[in-house]
Amino acid sequence: MTAAVPTDADLIAAHAAGDPTAFSEIVRRHKDRMWAVALRTLRDHEEAADALQEAFISAFRAAGKFRAESQVSTWLHRIVVNACLDRIRKRQARPTVPLPDTDEYREPAAPGDSMAQRETKLLISDALAELPDEQRVPIVLVDVEGYSVAETASLLGVAEGTVKSRCARGRAKLAKVLHHLRNPDANANVPPHESKRTATAQGLARGHQPGSPRQREGQ
């Protein structure tokens, strides 16, 4: 009989009990998704890599305190977000350098994406990158990662009203940048496949991104 594949919670428990390989399997299972979270939040390849490393080190050390009150992926997600926010706070305390205009910092497309979907993701990624940190981060947390306004306020250490106002200002800027995707009537000769891009831009600009990681987990 084939042995049952251990769950994430089983692996965390095994790691806490001293299994030297259990946490490596946790990293293998979740590193790609956590990398996407870090890169989306920080918009900097090197910063995202450092934040992810710090997050996994923190998770490694804190695994013994995990009580299975949420999924391991959700627990890791919060640790990664906090690591990213720590780096943003440090970055805001020193002069910033504009990111180079290169594909190096763009997220890789999923293998199953159509060309139109890939183009849309790049357009939205570029539009988000143009926002200041104080607007982009809450939008990513609320609209992309699926955190509630209250959770986002707690993570950022600000009032809920501040999260709402920053999201509103950021969405207004995104709406202008993505105007041609959100208004199909303004481009009467747009090919049929462009409708997918329009729907995606509308969802992000309205503050709704169906199927975000936390929403798929039922959080």
C-alpha atoms as a PDB file:
ATOM      1  CA  MET A   1       0.000   0.000   0.000  1.00  0.00           C
ATOM      2  CA  THR A   2       1.305   3.415  -0.959  1.00  0.00           C
ATOM      3  CA  ALA A   3       1.981   5.688   1.996  1.00  0.00           C
ATOM      4  CA  ALA A   4      -0.302   8.707   2.257  1.00  0.00           C
ATOM      5  CA  VAL A   5       1.220  11.980   1.125  1.00  0.00           C
ATOM      6  CA  PRO A   6       1.731  14.155   4.211  1.00  0.00           C
ATOM      7  CA  THR A   7      -0.302  17.322   4.419  1.00  0.00           C
ATOM      8  CA  ASP A   8       1.292  20.713   4.975  1.00  0.00           C
ATOM      9  CA  ALA A   9       0.214  20.558   8.611  1.00  0.00           C
ATOM     10  CA  ASP A  10       1.817  17.106   8.955  1.00  0.00           C
ATOM     11  CA  LEU A  11       5.072  18.501   7.569  1.00  0.00           C
ATOM     12  CA  ILE A  12       5.050  21.463   9.950  1.00  0.00           C
ATOM     13  CA  ALA A  13       4.460  19.106  12.881  1.00  0.00           C
ATOM     14  CA  ALA A  14       7.262  16.819  11.669  1.00  0.00           C
ATOM     15  CA  HIS A  15       9.606  19.781  11.329  1.00  0.00           C
ATOM     16  CA  ALA A  16       8.776  20.943  14.852  1.00  0.00           C
ATOM     17  CA  ALA A  17       9.487  17.395  16.067  1.00  0.00           C
ATOM     18  CA  GLY A  18      12.930  17.453  14.495  1.00  0.00           C
ATOM     19  CA  ASP A  19      12.501  16.004  10.991  1.00  0.00           C
ATOM     20  CA  PRO A  20      15.388  17.562   8.996  1.00  0.00           C
ATOM     21  CA  THR A  21      13.656  17.295   5.605  1.00  0.00           C
ATOM     22  CA  ALA A  22      10.068  18.318   6.385  1.00  0.00           C
ATOM     23  CA  PHE A  23      10.499  22.064   6.042  1.00  0.00           C
ATOM     24  CA  SER A  24      12.334  21.681   2.737  1.00  0.00           C
ATOM     25  CA  GLU A  25       9.208  20.039   1.354  1.00  0.00           C
ATOM     26  CA  ILE A  26       7.085  22.935   2.636  1.00  0.00           C
ATOM     27  CA  VAL A  27       9.381  25.357   0.797  1.00  0.00           C
ATOM     28  CA  ARG A  28       9.252  23.255  -2.378  1.00  0.00           C
ATOM     29  CA  ARG A  29       5.437  23.244  -2.336  1.00  0.00           C
ATOM     30  CA  HIS A  30       4.931  26.945  -1.721  1.00  0.00           C
ATOM     31  CA  LYS A  31       7.988  28.846  -2.955  1.00  0.00           C
ATOM     32  CA  ASP A  32       6.574  29.725  -6.394  1.00  0.00           C
ATOM     33  CA  ARG A  33       3.363  31.218  -5.054  1.00  0.00           C
ATOM     34  CA  MET A  34       5.143  33.032  -2.214  1.00  0.00           C
ATOM     35  CA  TRP A  35       7.647  34.412  -4.734  1.00  0.00           C
ATOM     36  CA  ALA A  36       4.771  35.827  -6.792  1.00  0.00           C
ATOM     37  CA  VAL A  37       3.348  37.478  -3.653  1.00  0.00           C
ATOM     38  CA  ALA A  38       6.711  39.039  -2.781  1.00  0.00           C
ATOM     39  CA  LEU A  39       7.377  40.286  -6.302  1.00  0.00           C
ATOM     40  CA  ARG A  40       3.878  41.712  -6.699  1.00  0.00           C
ATOM     41  CA  THR A  41       4.209  43.599  -3.421  1.00  0.00           C
ATOM     42  CA  LEU A  42       7.756  44.920  -3.768  1.00  0.00           C
ATOM     43  CA  ARG A  43       8.112  45.331  -7.559  1.00  0.00           C
ATOM     44  CA  ASP A  44      11.838  44.697  -7.220  1.00  0.00           C
ATOM     45  CA  HIS A  45      13.467  41.368  -8.045  1.00  0.00           C
ATOM     46  CA  GLU A  46      16.304  41.583  -5.523  1.00  0.00           C
ATOM     47  CA  GLU A  47      14.132  42.980  -2.736  1.00  0.00           C
ATOM     48  CA  ALA A  48      11.544  40.243  -3.309  1.00  0.00           C
ATOM     49  CA  ALA A  49      14.199  37.530  -3.159  1.00  0.00           C
ATOM     50  CA  ASP A  50      15.569  38.915   0.113  1.00  0.00           C
ATOM     51  CA  ALA A  51      12.088  39.249   1.617  1.00  0.00           C
ATOM     52  CA  LEU A  52      11.205  35.682   0.642  1.00  0.00           C
ATOM     53  CA  GLN A  53      14.398  34.344   2.192  1.00  0.00           C
ATOM     54  CA  GLU A  54      13.717  36.271   5.406  1.00  0.00           C
ATOM     55  CA  ALA A  55      10.133  35.007   5.445  1.00  0.00           C
ATOM     56  CA  PHE A  56      11.107  31.351   5.116  1.00  0.00           C
ATOM     57  CA  ILE A  57      13.734  31.753   7.837  1.00  0.00           C
ATOM     58  CA  SER A  58      11.076  33.277  10.099  1.00  0.00           C
ATOM     59  CA  ALA A  59       8.666  30.445   9.272  1.00  0.00           C
ATOM     60  CA  PHE A  60      11.379  27.859   9.936  1.00  0.00           C
ATOM     61  CA  ARG A  61      11.975  29.312  13.391  1.00  0.00           C
ATOM     62  CA  ALA A  62       8.296  29.847  14.227  1.00  0.00           C
ATOM     63  CA  ALA A  63       6.953  26.516  12.980  1.00  0.00           C
ATOM     64  CA  GLY A  64       6.724  25.142  16.504  1.00  0.00           C
ATOM     65  CA  LYS A  65       4.137  27.827  17.313  1.00  0.00           C
ATOM     66  CA  PHE A  66       1.870  26.925  14.386  1.00  0.00           C
ATOM     67  CA  ARG A  67      -1.474  25.767  15.794  1.00  0.00           C
ATOM     68  CA  ALA A  68      -3.275  24.776  12.584  1.00  0.00           C
ATOM     69  CA  GLU A  69      -5.940  27.438  13.108  1.00  0.00           C
ATOM     70  CA  SER A  70      -5.472  28.346   9.437  1.00  0.00           C
ATOM     71  CA  GLN A  71      -3.946  26.644   6.435  1.00  0.00           C
ATOM     72  CA  VAL A  72      -0.172  26.512   6.259  1.00  0.00           C
ATOM     73  CA  SER A  73      -0.285  28.425   2.978  1.00  0.00           C
ATOM     74  CA  THR A  74      -2.236  31.245   4.648  1.00  0.00           C
ATOM     75  CA  TRP A  75       0.229  31.287   7.549  1.00  0.00           C
ATOM     76  CA  LEU A  76       3.159  31.493   5.131  1.00  0.00           C
ATOM     77  CA  HIS A  77       1.368  34.134   3.079  1.00  0.00           C
ATOM     78  CA  ARG A  78       1.061  36.425   6.087  1.00  0.00           C
ATOM     79  CA  ILE A  79       4.727  35.924   7.010  1.00  0.00           C
ATOM     80  CA  VAL A  80       5.809  36.796   3.458  1.00  0.00           C
ATOM     81  CA  VAL A  81       3.585  39.886   3.362  1.00  0.00           C
ATOM     82  CA  ASN A  82       4.982  41.076   6.691  1.00  0.00           C
ATOM     83  CA  ALA A  83       8.542  40.548   5.442  1.00  0.00           C
ATOM     84  CA  CYS A  84       7.723  42.618   2.364  1.00  0.00           C
ATOM     85  CA  LEU A  85       6.148  45.389   4.420  1.00  0.00           C
ATOM     86  CA  ASP A  86       9.232  45.516   6.649  1.00  0.00           C
ATOM     87  CA  ARG A  87      11.405  46.038   3.579  1.00  0.00           C
ATOM     88  CA  ILE A  88       9.064  48.732   2.232  1.00  0.00           C
ATOM     89  CA  ARG A  89       9.287  50.624   5.531  1.00  0.00           C
ATOM     90  CA  LYS A  90      13.082  50.435   5.395  1.00  0.00           C
ATOM     91  CA  ARG A  91      13.061  51.526   1.760  1.00  0.00           C
ATOM     92  CA  GLN A  92      10.904  54.542   2.567  1.00  0.00           C
ATOM     93  CA  ALA A  93      13.487  55.617   5.123  1.00  0.00           C
ATOM     94  CA  ARG A  94      16.160  55.995   2.444  1.00  0.00           C
ATOM     95  CA  PRO A  95      16.255  57.589  -1.032  1.00  0.00           C
ATOM     96  CA  THR A  96      14.655  55.504  -3.752  1.00  0.00           C
ATOM     97  CA  VAL A  97      15.986  54.778  -7.217  1.00  0.00           C
ATOM     98  CA  PRO A  98      13.531  54.421 -10.133  1.00  0.00           C
ATOM     99  CA  LEU A  99      13.205  50.866 -11.431  1.00  0.00           C
ATOM    100  CA  PRO A 100      14.748  50.252 -14.844  1.00  0.00           C
ATOM    101  CA  ASP A 101      12.339  49.845 -17.731  1.00  0.00           C
ATOM    102  CA  THR A 102      13.039  46.175 -18.335  1.00  0.00           C
ATOM    103  CA  ASP A 103      11.235  42.853 -18.343  1.00  0.00           C
ATOM    104  CA  GLU A 104      13.540  41.657 -15.559  1.00  0.00           C
ATOM    105  CA  TYR A 105      11.017  42.682 -12.915  1.00  0.00           C
ATOM    106  CA  ARG A 106       7.922  41.335 -14.594  1.00  0.00           C
ATOM    107  CA  GLU A 107       6.269  38.210 -13.276  1.00  0.00           C
ATOM    108  CA  PRO A 108       6.580  35.167 -15.542  1.00  0.00           C
ATOM    109  CA  ALA A 109       3.363  34.174 -17.245  1.00  0.00           C
ATOM    110  CA  ALA A 110       1.725  30.895 -16.309  1.00  0.00           C
ATOM    111  CA  PRO A 111       2.137  28.226 -19.012  1.00  0.00           C
ATOM    112  CA  GLY A 112      -1.596  28.120 -19.756  1.00  0.00           C
ATOM    113  CA  ASP A 113      -2.042  31.838 -20.300  1.00  0.00           C
ATOM    114  CA  SER A 114      -3.162  33.018 -23.717  1.00  0.00           C
ATOM    115  CA  MET A 115      -1.224  35.817 -25.396  1.00  0.00           C
ATOM    116  CA  ALA A 116      -4.011  38.296 -24.610  1.00  0.00           C
ATOM    117  CA  GLN A 117      -3.984  37.288 -20.928  1.00  0.00           C
ATOM    118  CA  ARG A 118      -0.205  37.656 -20.786  1.00  0.00           C
ATOM    119  CA  GLU A 119      -0.381  41.101 -22.347  1.00  0.00           C
ATOM    120  CA  THR A 120      -3.079  42.109 -19.868  1.00  0.00           C
ATOM    121  CA  LYS A 121      -1.025  40.911 -16.900  1.00  0.00           C
ATOM    122  CA  LEU A 122       1.966  42.910 -18.115  1.00  0.00           C
ATOM    123  CA  LEU A 123      -0.152  46.021 -18.630  1.00  0.00           C
ATOM    124  CA  ILE A 124      -1.659  45.767 -15.147  1.00  0.00           C
ATOM    125  CA  SER A 125       1.760  44.962 -13.663  1.00  0.00           C
ATOM    126  CA  ASP A 126       3.225  48.066 -15.291  1.00  0.00           C
ATOM    127  CA  ALA A 127       0.276  50.179 -14.128  1.00  0.00           C
ATOM    128  CA  LEU A 128       0.675  48.968 -10.531  1.00  0.00           C
ATOM    129  CA  ALA A 129       4.396  49.707 -10.668  1.00  0.00           C
ATOM    130  CA  GLU A 130       3.618  53.358 -11.410  1.00  0.00           C
ATOM    131  CA  LEU A 131       1.742  53.766  -8.124  1.00  0.00           C
ATOM    132  CA  PRO A 132       3.563  54.945  -4.997  1.00  0.00           C
ATOM    133  CA  ASP A 133       4.099  52.259  -2.331  1.00  0.00           C
ATOM    134  CA  GLU A 134       1.418  53.700  -0.042  1.00  0.00           C
ATOM    135  CA  GLN A 135      -1.217  53.135  -2.737  1.00  0.00           C
ATOM    136  CA  ARG A 136       0.099  50.038  -4.502  1.00  0.00           C
ATOM    137  CA  VAL A 137       0.589  47.931  -1.372  1.00  0.00           C
ATOM    138  CA  PRO A 138      -2.988  48.210  -0.005  1.00  0.00           C
ATOM    139  CA  ILE A 139      -4.378  47.614  -3.502  1.00  0.00           C
ATOM    140  CA  VAL A 140      -2.270  44.472  -3.854  1.00  0.00           C
ATOM    141  CA  LEU A 141      -3.312  43.260  -0.400  1.00  0.00           C
ATOM    142  CA  VAL A 142      -7.031  43.963  -0.834  1.00  0.00           C
ATOM    143  CA  ASP A 143      -7.673  43.513  -4.553  1.00  0.00           C
ATOM    144  CA  VAL A 144      -5.105  40.885  -5.485  1.00  0.00           C
ATOM    145  CA  GLU A 145      -4.290  38.928  -2.330  1.00  0.00           C
ATOM    146  CA  GLY A 146      -7.831  39.015  -0.935  1.00  0.00           C
ATOM    147  CA  TYR A 147      -7.233  40.548   2.490  1.00  0.00           C
ATOM    148  CA  SER A 148     -10.104  42.451   4.044  1.00  0.00           C
ATOM    149  CA  VAL A 149      -9.792  46.186   4.695  1.00  0.00           C
ATOM    150  CA  ALA A 150      -9.536  45.447   8.431  1.00  0.00           C
ATOM    151  CA  GLU A 151      -6.764  42.878   7.923  1.00  0.00           C
ATOM    152  CA  THR A 152      -4.894  45.217   5.621  1.00  0.00           C
ATOM    153  CA  ALA A 153      -5.161  48.052   8.127  1.00  0.00           C
ATOM    154  CA  SER A 154      -3.744  45.759  10.815  1.00  0.00           C
ATOM    155  CA  LEU A 155      -0.861  44.641   8.592  1.00  0.00           C
ATOM    156  CA  LEU A 156       0.013  48.203   7.600  1.00  0.00           C
ATOM    157  CA  GLY A 157      -0.547  49.701  11.039  1.00  0.00           C
ATOM    158  CA  VAL A 158      -2.983  52.347   9.788  1.00  0.00           C
ATOM    159  CA  ALA A 159      -6.690  53.098  10.194  1.00  0.00           C
ATOM    160  CA  GLU A 160      -9.244  51.302   8.000  1.00  0.00           C
ATOM    161  CA  GLY A 161     -10.280  54.660   6.562  1.00  0.00           C
ATOM    162  CA  THR A 162      -6.687  55.238   5.485  1.00  0.00           C
ATOM    163  CA  VAL A 163      -6.651  51.900   3.643  1.00  0.00           C
ATOM    164  CA  LYS A 164      -9.913  52.783   1.895  1.00  0.00           C
ATOM    165  CA  SER A 165      -8.725  56.230   0.839  1.00  0.00           C
ATOM    166  CA  ARG A 166      -5.363  54.962  -0.415  1.00  0.00           C
ATOM    167  CA  CYS A 167      -7.063  52.200  -2.378  1.00  0.00           C
ATOM    168  CA  ALA A 168      -9.525  54.692  -3.835  1.00  0.00           C
ATOM    169  CA  ARG A 169      -6.751  57.056  -4.959  1.00  0.00           C
ATOM    170  CA  GLY A 170      -4.738  54.209  -6.397  1.00  0.00           C
ATOM    171  CA  ARG A 171      -7.713  52.725  -8.248  1.00  0.00           C
ATOM    172  CA  ALA A 172      -8.491  56.118  -9.723  1.00  0.00           C
ATOM    173  CA  LYS A 173      -4.959  56.310 -11.121  1.00  0.00           C
ATOM    174  CA  LEU A 174      -5.181  52.752 -12.431  1.00  0.00           C
ATOM    175  CA  ALA A 175      -8.484  53.565 -14.085  1.00  0.00           C
ATOM    176  CA  LYS A 176      -6.813  56.368 -16.043  1.00  0.00           C
ATOM    177  CA  VAL A 177      -3.828  54.238 -17.050  1.00  0.00           C
ATOM    178  CA  LEU A 178      -6.039  51.294 -18.059  1.00  0.00           C
ATOM    179  CA  HIS A 179      -8.788  53.442 -19.576  1.00  0.00           C
ATOM    180  CA  HIS A 180      -8.483  51.871 -23.018  1.00  0.00           C
ATOM    181  CA  LEU A 181      -8.978  48.403 -21.501  1.00  0.00           C
ATOM    182  CA  ARG A 182     -11.927  49.395 -19.353  1.00  0.00           C
ATOM    183  CA  ASN A 183     -13.928  51.134 -22.080  1.00  0.00           C
ATOM    184  CA  PRO A 184     -14.468  48.860 -25.083  1.00  0.00           C
ATOM    185  CA  ASP A 185     -16.742  51.450 -26.742  1.00  0.00           C
ATOM    186  CA  ALA A 186     -13.735  53.763 -26.993  1.00  0.00           C
ATOM    187  CA  ASN A 187     -12.102  51.215 -29.285  1.00  0.00           C
ATOM    188  CA  ALA A 188     -14.845  50.048 -31.623  1.00  0.00           C
ATOM    189  CA  ASN A 189     -12.458  48.062 -33.802  1.00  0.00           C
ATOM    190  CA  VAL A 190     -10.855  46.098 -30.969  1.00  0.00           C
ATOM    191  CA  PRO A 191     -10.534  42.368 -31.853  1.00  0.00           C
ATOM    192  CA  PRO A 192     -12.731  39.899 -29.898  1.00  0.00           C
ATOM    193  CA  HIS A 193      -9.851  38.563 -27.781  1.00  0.00           C
ATOM    194  CA  GLU A 194      -9.369  42.057 -26.336  1.00  0.00           C
ATOM    195  CA  SER A 195     -12.604  41.626 -24.357  1.00  0.00           C
ATOM    196  CA  LYS A 196     -10.690  39.445 -21.899  1.00  0.00           C
ATOM    197  CA  ARG A 197      -8.253  42.265 -21.290  1.00  0.00           C
ATOM    198  CA  THR A 198     -11.117  44.688 -20.754  1.00  0.00           C
ATOM    199  CA  ALA A 199     -12.755  42.436 -18.169  1.00  0.00           C
ATOM    200  CA  THR A 200      -9.493  41.980 -16.273  1.00  0.00           C
ATOM    201  CA  ALA A 201      -8.799  45.719 -16.150  1.00  0.00           C
ATOM    202  CA  GLN A 202     -12.348  46.428 -15.042  1.00  0.00           C
ATOM    203  CA  GLY A 203     -12.050  43.938 -12.206  1.00  0.00           C
ATOM    204  CA  LEU A 204      -8.834  45.382 -10.849  1.00  0.00           C
ATOM    205  CA  ALA A 205      -9.946  48.993 -11.186  1.00  0.00           C
ATOM    206  CA  ARG A 206     -13.200  48.219  -9.373  1.00  0.00           C
ATOM    207  CA  GLY A 207     -11.368  46.596  -6.503  1.00  0.00           C
ATOM    208  CA  HIS A 208     -12.316  42.997  -7.326  1.00  0.00           C
ATOM    209  CA  GLN A 209      -9.947  40.310  -8.512  1.00  0.00           C
ATOM    210  CA  PRO A 210     -11.824  36.952  -8.715  1.00  0.00           C
ATOM    211  CA  GLY A 211      -9.948  33.895  -7.626  1.00  0.00           C
ATOM    212  CA  SER A 212      -7.261  35.530  -5.532  1.00  0.00           C
ATOM    213  CA  PRO A 213      -5.200  33.020  -3.489  1.00  0.00           C
ATOM    214  CA  ARG A 214      -6.974  33.686  -0.196  1.00  0.00           C
ATOM    215  CA  GLN A 215     -10.406  33.658  -1.860  1.00  0.00           C
ATOM    216  CA  ARG A 216      -9.682  30.268  -3.425  1.00  0.00           C
ATOM    217  CA  GLU A 217      -8.789  28.961   0.027  1.00  0.00           C
ATOM    218  CA  GLY A 218     -12.040  30.294   1.447  1.00  0.00           C
ATOM    219  CA  GLN A 219     -10.333  32.716   3.758  1.00  0.00           C
END
